[in-house]
Every structure is written in C-alpha cells, then in structure tokens.
PDB file of all heavy atoms in Angstrom:
ATOM      1  N   TYR A   1      45.232  70.312 156.639  1.00  0.00           N
ATOM      2  CA  TYR A   1      46.690  70.331 156.571  1.00  0.00           C
ATOM      3  C   TYR A   1      47.135  71.052 155.297  1.00  0.00           C
ATOM      4  O   TYR A   1      46.367  71.197 154.338  1.00  0.00           O
ATOM      5  CB  TYR A   1      47.263  68.912 156.543  1.00  0.00           C
ATOM      6  CG  TYR A   1      46.921  68.063 157.735  1.00  0.00           C
ATOM      7  CD1 TYR A   1      45.799  67.232 157.719  1.00  0.00           C
ATOM      8  CD2 TYR A   1      47.715  68.083 158.873  1.00  0.00           C
ATOM      9  CE1 TYR A   1      45.482  66.433 158.817  1.00  0.00           C
ATOM     10  CE2 TYR A   1      47.411  67.299 159.975  1.00  0.00           C
ATOM     11  CZ  TYR A   1      46.287  66.478 159.935  1.00  0.00           C
ATOM     12  OH  TYR A   1      45.978  65.707 161.031  1.00  0.00           O
ATOM     13  N   VAL A   2      48.387  71.473 155.293  1.00  0.00           N
ATOM     14  CA  VAL A   2      49.029  71.971 154.081  1.00  0.00           C
ATOM     15  C   VAL A   2      50.369  71.252 153.939  1.00  0.00           C
ATOM     16  O   VAL A   2      50.981  70.850 154.930  1.00  0.00           O
ATOM     17  CB  VAL A   2      49.239  73.489 154.112  1.00  0.00           C
ATOM     18  CG1 VAL A   2      47.906  74.212 154.034  1.00  0.00           C
ATOM     19  CG2 VAL A   2      50.012  73.923 155.347  1.00  0.00           C
ATOM     20  N   VAL A   3      50.793  71.082 152.706  1.00  0.00           N
ATOM     21  CA  VAL A   3      52.067  70.419 152.417  1.00  0.00           C
ATOM     22  C   VAL A   3      53.029  71.439 151.841  1.00  0.00           C
ATOM     23  O   VAL A   3      52.680  72.196 150.925  1.00  0.00           O
ATOM     24  CB  VAL A   3      51.876  69.263 151.424  1.00  0.00           C
ATOM     25  CG1 VAL A   3      53.233  68.673 151.015  1.00  0.00           C
ATOM     26  CG2 VAL A   3      51.001  68.175 152.035  1.00  0.00           C
ATOM     27  N   GLY A   4      54.228  71.483 152.400  1.00  0.00           N
ATOM     28  CA  GLY A   4      55.283  72.341 151.881  1.00  0.00           C
ATOM     29  C   GLY A   4      56.405  71.500 151.312  1.00  0.00           C
ATOM     30  O   GLY A   4      56.817  70.501 151.927  1.00  0.00           O
ATOM     31  N   VAL A   5      56.885  71.874 150.134  1.00  0.00           N
ATOM     32  CA  VAL A   5      57.947  71.119 149.467  1.00  0.00           C
ATOM     33  C   VAL A   5      59.083  72.074 149.117  1.00  0.00           C
ATOM     34  O   VAL A   5      58.859  73.136 148.521  1.00  0.00           O
ATOM     35  CB  VAL A   5      57.440  70.450 148.176  1.00  0.00           C
ATOM     36  CG1 VAL A   5      58.581  69.700 147.477  1.00  0.00           C
ATOM     37  CG2 VAL A   5      56.291  69.497 148.482  1.00  0.00           C
ATOM     38  N   GLY A   6      60.294  71.709 149.517  1.00  0.00           N
ATOM     39  CA  GLY A   6      61.475  72.468 149.146  1.00  0.00           C
ATOM     40  C   GLY A   6      62.342  71.647 148.206  1.00  0.00           C
ATOM     41  O   GLY A   6      62.799  70.562 148.574  1.00  0.00           O
ATOM     42  N   VAL A   7      62.548  72.134 146.994  1.00  0.00           N
ATOM     43  CA  VAL A   7      63.397  71.452 146.013  1.00  0.00           C
ATOM     44  C   VAL A   7      64.716  72.208 145.950  1.00  0.00           C
ATOM     45  O   VAL A   7      64.756  73.374 145.525  1.00  0.00           O
ATOM     46  CB  VAL A   7      62.738  71.408 144.621  1.00  0.00           C
ATOM     47  CG1 VAL A   7      63.666  70.714 143.623  1.00  0.00           C
ATOM     48  CG2 VAL A   7      61.391  70.707 144.681  1.00  0.00           C
ATOM     49  N   GLY A   8      65.791  71.566 146.389  1.00  0.00           N
ATOM     50  CA  GLY A   8      67.098  72.199 146.416  1.00  0.00           C
ATOM     51  C   GLY A   8      68.101  71.481 145.541  1.00  0.00           C
ATOM     52  O   GLY A   8      67.770  70.536 144.825  1.00  0.00           O
ATOM     53  N   GLU A   9      69.330  71.960 145.613  1.00  0.00           N
ATOM     54  CA  GLU A   9      70.388  71.369 144.798  1.00  0.00           C
ATOM     55  C   GLU A   9      70.669  69.921 145.180  1.00  0.00           C
ATOM     56  O   GLU A   9      70.976  69.095 144.316  1.00  0.00           O
ATOM     57  CB  GLU A   9      71.670  72.194 144.964  1.00  0.00           C
ATOM     58  CG  GLU A   9      71.520  73.677 144.673  1.00  0.00           C
ATOM     59  CD  GLU A   9      71.529  73.979 143.189  1.00  0.00           C
ATOM     60  OE1 GLU A   9      71.767  73.042 142.406  1.00  0.00           O
ATOM     61  OE2 GLU A   9      71.288  75.135 142.827  1.00  0.00           O
ATOM     62  N   THR A  10      70.567  69.619 146.495  1.00  0.00           N
ATOM     63  CA  THR A  10      71.006  68.307 146.964  1.00  0.00           C
ATOM     64  C   THR A  10      69.911  67.477 147.619  1.00  0.00           C
ATOM     65  O   THR A  10      70.178  66.364 148.044  1.00  0.00           O
ATOM     66  CB  THR A  10      72.150  68.479 147.996  1.00  0.00           C
ATOM     67  OG1 THR A  10      71.683  69.280 149.098  1.00  0.00           O
ATOM     68  CG2 THR A  10      73.346  69.161 147.351  1.00  0.00           C
ATOM     69  N   ARG A  11      68.673  68.023 147.696  1.00  0.00           N
ATOM     70  CA  ARG A  11      67.623  67.246 148.340  1.00  0.00           C
ATOM     71  C   ARG A  11      66.246  67.776 147.967  1.00  0.00           C
ATOM     72  O   ARG A  11      66.096  68.916 147.534  1.00  0.00           O
ATOM     73  CB  ARG A  11      67.771  67.288 149.860  1.00  0.00           C
ATOM     74  CG  ARG A  11      67.488  68.661 150.462  1.00  0.00           C
ATOM     75  CD  ARG A  11      67.696  68.672 151.959  1.00  0.00           C
ATOM     76  NE  ARG A  11      67.446  70.007 152.506  1.00  0.00           N
ATOM     77  CZ  ARG A  11      67.700  70.365 153.748  1.00  0.00           C
ATOM     78  NH1 ARG A  11      68.231  69.494 154.584  1.00  0.00           N
ATOM     79  NH2 ARG A  11      67.438  71.589 154.181  1.00  0.00           N
ATOM     80  N   VAL A  12      65.266  66.914 148.182  1.00  0.00           N
ATOM     81  CA  VAL A  12      63.856  67.294 148.126  1.00  0.00           C
ATOM     82  C   VAL A  12      63.282  67.032 149.513  1.00  0.00           C
ATOM     83  O   VAL A  12      63.384  65.921 150.035  1.00  0.00           O
ATOM     84  CB  VAL A  12      63.082  66.482 147.076  1.00  0.00           C
ATOM     85  CG1 VAL A  12      61.580  66.775 147.162  1.00  0.00           C
ATOM     86  CG2 VAL A  12      63.595  66.789 145.678  1.00  0.00           C
ATOM     87  N   ARG A  13      62.703  68.063 150.109  1.00  0.00           N
ATOM     88  CA  ARG A  13      62.115  67.924 151.439  1.00  0.00           C
ATOM     89  C   ARG A  13      60.614  68.154 151.342  1.00  0.00           C
ATOM     90  O   ARG A  13      60.161  69.135 150.769  1.00  0.00           O
ATOM     91  CB  ARG A  13      62.726  68.929 152.414  1.00  0.00           C
ATOM     92  CG  ARG A  13      62.055  68.921 153.791  1.00  0.00           C
ATOM     93  CD  ARG A  13      62.616  70.008 154.690  1.00  0.00           C
ATOM     94  NE  ARG A  13      63.987  69.707 155.084  1.00  0.00           N
ATOM     95  CZ  ARG A  13      64.744  70.538 155.801  1.00  0.00           C
ATOM     96  NH1 ARG A  13      64.273  71.725 156.167  1.00  0.00           N
ATOM     97  NH2 ARG A  13      65.971  70.195 156.146  1.00  0.00           N
ATOM     98  N   VAL A  14      59.850  67.227 151.933  1.00  0.00           N
ATOM     99  CA  VAL A  14      58.386  67.324 151.959  1.00  0.00           C
ATOM    100  C   VAL A  14      57.945  67.367 153.412  1.00  0.00           C
ATOM    101  O   VAL A  14      58.331  66.499 154.208  1.00  0.00           O
ATOM    102  CB  VAL A  14      57.729  66.127 151.232  1.00  0.00           C
ATOM    103  CG1 VAL A  14      56.212  66.281 151.222  1.00  0.00           C
ATOM    104  CG2 VAL A  14      58.253  66.006 149.808  1.00  0.00           C
ATOM    105  N   GLU A  15      57.134  68.375 153.769  1.00  0.00           N
ATOM    106  CA  GLU A  15      56.685  68.543 155.150  1.00  0.00           C
ATOM    107  C   GLU A  15      55.177  68.736 155.187  1.00  0.00           C
ATOM    108  O   GLU A  15      54.598  69.373 154.306  1.00  0.00           O
ATOM    109  CB  GLU A  15      57.378  69.754 155.786  1.00  0.00           C
ATOM    110  CG  GLU A  15      58.888  69.590 155.877  1.00  0.00           C
ATOM    111  CD  GLU A  15      59.591  70.869 156.279  1.00  0.00           C
ATOM    112  OE1 GLU A  15      59.148  71.950 155.857  1.00  0.00           O
ATOM    113  OE2 GLU A  15      60.596  70.782 157.012  1.00  0.00           O
ATOM    114  N   LEU A  16      54.568  68.191 156.231  1.00  0.00           N
ATOM    115  CA  LEU A  16      53.133  68.324 156.452  1.00  0.00           C
ATOM    116  C   LEU A  16      52.894  69.184 157.682  1.00  0.00           C
ATOM    117  O   LEU A  16      53.492  68.949 158.743  1.00  0.00           O
ATOM    118  CB  LEU A  16      52.492  66.946 156.666  1.00  0.00           C
ATOM    119  CG  LEU A  16      50.972  66.926 156.847  1.00  0.00           C
ATOM    120  CD1 LEU A  16      50.265  67.214 155.528  1.00  0.00           C
ATOM    121  CD2 LEU A  16      50.514  65.571 157.406  1.00  0.00           C
ATOM    122  N   TYR A  17      52.026  70.202 157.555  1.00  0.00           N
ATOM    123  CA  TYR A  17      51.729  71.119 158.650  1.00  0.00           C
ATOM    124  C   TYR A  17      50.229  71.176 158.904  1.00  0.00           C
ATOM    125  O   TYR A  17      49.422  71.038 157.975  1.00  0.00           O
ATOM    126  CB  TYR A  17      52.193  72.541 158.313  1.00  0.00           C
ATOM    127  CG  TYR A  17      53.682  72.705 158.185  1.00  0.00           C
ATOM    128  CD1 TYR A  17      54.316  72.492 156.969  1.00  0.00           C
ATOM    129  CD2 TYR A  17      54.451  73.067 159.282  1.00  0.00           C
ATOM    130  CE1 TYR A  17      55.689  72.645 156.850  1.00  0.00           C
ATOM    131  CE2 TYR A  17      55.828  73.229 159.171  1.00  0.00           C
ATOM    132  CZ  TYR A  17      56.442  73.016 157.957  1.00  0.00           C
ATOM    133  OH  TYR A  17      57.806  73.163 157.840  1.00  0.00           O
ATOM    134  N   ASP A  18      49.877  71.399 160.177  1.00  0.00           N
ATOM    135  CA  ASP A  18      48.488  71.721 160.458  1.00  0.00           C
ATOM    136  C   ASP A  18      48.311  73.221 160.248  1.00  0.00           C
ATOM    137  O   ASP A  18      49.243  73.925 159.850  1.00  0.00           O
ATOM    138  CB  ASP A  18      48.061  71.277 161.861  1.00  0.00           C
ATOM    139  CG  ASP A  18      48.832  71.981 162.982  1.00  0.00           C
ATOM    140  OD1 ASP A  18      49.397  73.061 162.743  1.00  0.00           O
ATOM    141  OD2 ASP A  18      48.869  71.427 164.100  1.00  0.00           O
ATOM    142  N   LEU A  19      47.116  73.747 160.510  1.00  0.00           N
ATOM    143  CA  LEU A  19      46.860  75.150 160.196  1.00  0.00           C
ATOM    144  C   LEU A  19      47.444  76.114 161.218  1.00  0.00           C
ATOM    145  O   LEU A  19      47.367  77.331 161.028  1.00  0.00           O
ATOM    146  CB  LEU A  19      45.357  75.383 160.031  1.00  0.00           C
ATOM    147  CG  LEU A  19      44.718  74.629 158.866  1.00  0.00           C
ATOM    148  CD1 LEU A  19      43.291  75.104 158.645  1.00  0.00           C
ATOM    149  CD2 LEU A  19      45.532  74.782 157.581  1.00  0.00           C
ATOM    150  N   ALA A  20      48.035  75.586 162.296  1.00  0.00           N
ATOM    151  CA  ALA A  20      48.790  76.431 163.215  1.00  0.00           C
ATOM    152  C   ALA A  20      50.269  76.460 162.832  1.00  0.00           C
ATOM    153  O   ALA A  20      51.101  76.982 163.559  1.00  0.00           O
ATOM    154  CB  ALA A  20      48.630  75.932 164.651  1.00  0.00           C
ATOM    155  N   MET A  21      50.584  75.881 161.671  1.00  0.00           N
ATOM    156  CA  MET A  21      51.946  75.776 161.158  1.00  0.00           C
ATOM    157  C   MET A  21      52.845  74.954 162.068  1.00  0.00           C
ATOM    158  O   MET A  21      54.058  75.191 162.170  1.00  0.00           O
ATOM    159  CB  MET A  21      52.561  77.160 160.914  1.00  0.00           C
ATOM    160  CG  MET A  21      51.955  77.899 159.742  1.00  0.00           C
ATOM    161  SD  MET A  21      52.256  77.096 158.138  1.00  0.00           S
ATOM    162  CE  MET A  21      50.629  76.386 157.804  1.00  0.00           C
ATOM    163  N   GLU A  22      52.249  73.961 162.727  1.00  0.00           N
ATOM    164  CA  GLU A  22      53.017  72.986 163.492  1.00  0.00           C
ATOM    165  C   GLU A  22      53.345  71.816 162.574  1.00  0.00           C
ATOM    166  O   GLU A  22      52.443  71.248 161.942  1.00  0.00           O
ATOM    167  CB  GLU A  22      52.218  72.497 164.697  1.00  0.00           C
ATOM    168  CG  GLU A  22      51.973  73.566 165.751  1.00  0.00           C
ATOM    169  CD  GLU A  22      53.238  73.965 166.481  1.00  0.00           C
ATOM    170  OE1 GLU A  22      54.180  73.137 166.537  1.00  0.00           O
ATOM    171  OE2 GLU A  22      53.277  75.104 166.979  1.00  0.00           O
ATOM    172  N   GLU A  23      54.620  71.479 162.502  1.00  0.00           N
ATOM    173  CA  GLU A  23      55.015  70.377 161.632  1.00  0.00           C
ATOM    174  C   GLU A  23      54.503  69.052 162.173  1.00  0.00           C
ATOM    175  O   GLU A  23      54.697  68.729 163.338  1.00  0.00           O
ATOM    176  CB  GLU A  23      56.541  70.329 161.507  1.00  0.00           C
ATOM    177  CG  GLU A  23      57.044  69.256 160.541  1.00  0.00           C
ATOM    178  CD  GLU A  23      58.550  69.218 160.447  1.00  0.00           C
ATOM    179  OE1 GLU A  23      59.156  70.261 160.119  1.00  0.00           O
ATOM    180  OE2 GLU A  23      59.139  68.155 160.733  1.00  0.00           O
ATOM    181  N   ARG A  24      53.882  68.269 161.311  1.00  0.00           N
ATOM    182  CA  ARG A  24      53.330  66.969 161.703  1.00  0.00           C
ATOM    183  C   ARG A  24      54.126  65.797 161.156  1.00  0.00           C
ATOM    184  O   ARG A  24      54.112  64.712 161.730  1.00  0.00           O
ATOM    185  CB  ARG A  24      51.874  66.859 161.239  1.00  0.00           C
ATOM    186  CG  ARG A  24      50.939  67.875 161.912  1.00  0.00           C
ATOM    187  CD  ARG A  24      50.991  67.736 163.410  1.00  0.00           C
ATOM    188  NE  ARG A  24      50.082  68.647 164.099  1.00  0.00           N
ATOM    189  CZ  ARG A  24      50.046  68.810 165.409  1.00  0.00           C
ATOM    190  NH1 ARG A  24      50.905  68.140 166.171  1.00  0.00           N
ATOM    191  NH2 ARG A  24      49.196  69.647 165.958  1.00  0.00           N
ATOM    192  N   ALA A  25      54.820  66.008 160.055  1.00  0.00           N
ATOM    193  CA  ALA A  25      55.629  64.921 159.486  1.00  0.00           C
ATOM    194  C   ALA A  25      56.579  65.514 158.454  1.00  0.00           C
ATOM    195  O   ALA A  25      56.327  66.588 157.890  1.00  0.00           O
ATOM    196  CB  ALA A  25      54.750  63.852 158.849  1.00  0.00           C
ATOM    197  N   ARG A  26      57.702  64.798 158.231  1.00  0.00           N
ATOM    198  CA  ARG A  26      58.699  65.251 157.270  1.00  0.00           C
ATOM    199  C   ARG A  26      59.345  64.059 156.588  1.00  0.00           C
ATOM    200  O   ARG A  26      59.560  63.013 157.194  1.00  0.00           O
ATOM    201  CB  ARG A  26      59.776  66.068 157.976  1.00  0.00           C
ATOM    202  CG  ARG A  26      60.929  66.486 157.071  1.00  0.00           C
ATOM    203  CD  ARG A  26      62.069  67.104 157.842  1.00  0.00           C
ATOM    204  NE  ARG A  26      61.675  68.349 158.495  1.00  0.00           N
ATOM    205  CZ  ARG A  26      62.550  69.182 159.050  1.00  0.00           C
ATOM    206  NH1 ARG A  26      63.841  68.891 159.048  1.00  0.00           N
ATOM    207  NH2 ARG A  26      62.122  70.285 159.620  1.00  0.00           N
ATOM    208  N   LYS A  27      59.679  64.237 155.310  1.00  0.00           N
ATOM    209  CA  LYS A  27      60.398  63.219 154.553  1.00  0.00           C
ATOM    210  C   LYS A  27      61.384  63.902 153.626  1.00  0.00           C
ATOM    211  O   LYS A  27      61.054  64.906 152.979  1.00  0.00           O
ATOM    212  CB  LYS A  27      59.418  62.367 153.725  1.00  0.00           C
ATOM    213  CG  LYS A  27      60.069  61.245 152.938  1.00  0.00           C
ATOM    214  CD  LYS A  27      60.626  60.152 153.837  1.00  0.00           C
ATOM    215  CE  LYS A  27      61.171  58.978 153.022  1.00  0.00           C
ATOM    216  NZ  LYS A  27      61.740  57.914 153.888  1.00  0.00           N
ATOM    217  N   GLU A  28      62.620  63.386 153.582  1.00  0.00           N
ATOM    218  CA  GLU A  28      63.643  63.954 152.719  1.00  0.00           C
ATOM    219  C   GLU A  28      64.204  62.903 151.774  1.00  0.00           C
ATOM    220  O   GLU A  28      64.306  61.725 152.125  1.00  0.00           O
ATOM    221  CB  GLU A  28      64.784  64.554 153.544  1.00  0.00           C
ATOM    222  CG  GLU A  28      64.429  65.822 154.278  1.00  0.00           C
ATOM    223  CD  GLU A  28      65.646  66.502 154.890  1.00  0.00           C
ATOM    224  OE1 GLU A  28      66.781  66.026 154.625  1.00  0.00           O
ATOM    225  OE2 GLU A  28      65.476  67.491 155.610  1.00  0.00           O
ATOM    226  N   PHE A  29      64.577  63.373 150.579  1.00  0.00           N
ATOM    227  CA  PHE A  29      65.208  62.511 149.587  1.00  0.00           C
ATOM    228  C   PHE A  29      66.464  63.215 149.086  1.00  0.00           C
ATOM    229  O   PHE A  29      66.421  64.402 148.730  1.00  0.00           O
ATOM    230  CB  PHE A  29      64.270  62.255 148.402  1.00  0.00           C
ATOM    231  CG  PHE A  29      62.968  61.590 148.768  1.00  0.00           C
ATOM    232  CD1 PHE A  29      61.868  62.354 149.119  1.00  0.00           C
ATOM    233  CD2 PHE A  29      62.853  60.204 148.760  1.00  0.00           C
ATOM    234  CE1 PHE A  29      60.669  61.761 149.457  1.00  0.00           C
ATOM    235  CE2 PHE A  29      61.648  59.600 149.100  1.00  0.00           C
ATOM    236  CZ  PHE A  29      60.557  60.376 149.447  1.00  0.00           C
ATOM    237  N   ALA A  30      67.565  62.502 149.050  1.00  0.00           N
ATOM    238  CA  ALA A  30      68.815  63.078 148.558  1.00  0.00           C
ATOM    239  C   ALA A  30      68.781  63.171 147.039  1.00  0.00           C
ATOM    240  O   ALA A  30      68.191  62.334 146.351  1.00  0.00           O
ATOM    241  CB  ALA A  30      69.998  62.232 149.009  1.00  0.00           C
ATOM    242  N   LEU A  31      69.410  64.228 146.512  1.00  0.00           N
ATOM    243  CA  LEU A  31      69.561  64.401 145.074  1.00  0.00           C
ATOM    244  C   LEU A  31      71.036  64.431 144.728  1.00  0.00           C
ATOM    245  O   LEU A  31      71.833  65.053 145.438  1.00  0.00           O
ATOM    246  CB  LEU A  31      68.919  65.712 144.614  1.00  0.00           C
ATOM    247  CG  LEU A  31      67.400  65.782 144.514  1.00  0.00           C
ATOM    248  CD1 LEU A  31      66.988  67.198 144.128  1.00  0.00           C
ATOM    249  CD2 LEU A  31      66.866  64.782 143.506  1.00  0.00           C
ATOM    250  N   ASP A  32      71.396  63.794 143.638  1.00  0.00           N
ATOM    251  CA  ASP A  32      72.744  63.901 143.101  1.00  0.00           C
ATOM    252  C   ASP A  32      72.868  65.295 142.490  1.00  0.00           C
ATOM    253  O   ASP A  32      72.089  65.656 141.602  1.00  0.00           O
ATOM    254  CB  ASP A  32      72.952  62.833 142.026  1.00  0.00           C
ATOM    255  CG  ASP A  32      74.377  62.807 141.489  1.00  0.00           C
ATOM    256  OD1 ASP A  32      75.033  63.868 141.506  1.00  0.00           O
ATOM    257  OD2 ASP A  32      74.819  61.741 141.029  1.00  0.00           O
TER     258      ASP A  32
END
C-alpha cells in the first residue's frame, strides 16, 4: 500500500491506496 496525505487550509486528508491506485480507506480532520 501507499499513503497519500493532503494538508490544506481547512483540513488534513489521509488516504490509503493499493498499488493499482484504488482507494482502500480515507480519514479527514477539520482544521481551523
């Protein structure tokens, strides 16, 4: 698997992908 993380102005998104780039799980956290 590979983990992709997007850090933005209003949230942090964490996603887990297999090697075919199919998303397997996602978690988001809101940011002030």
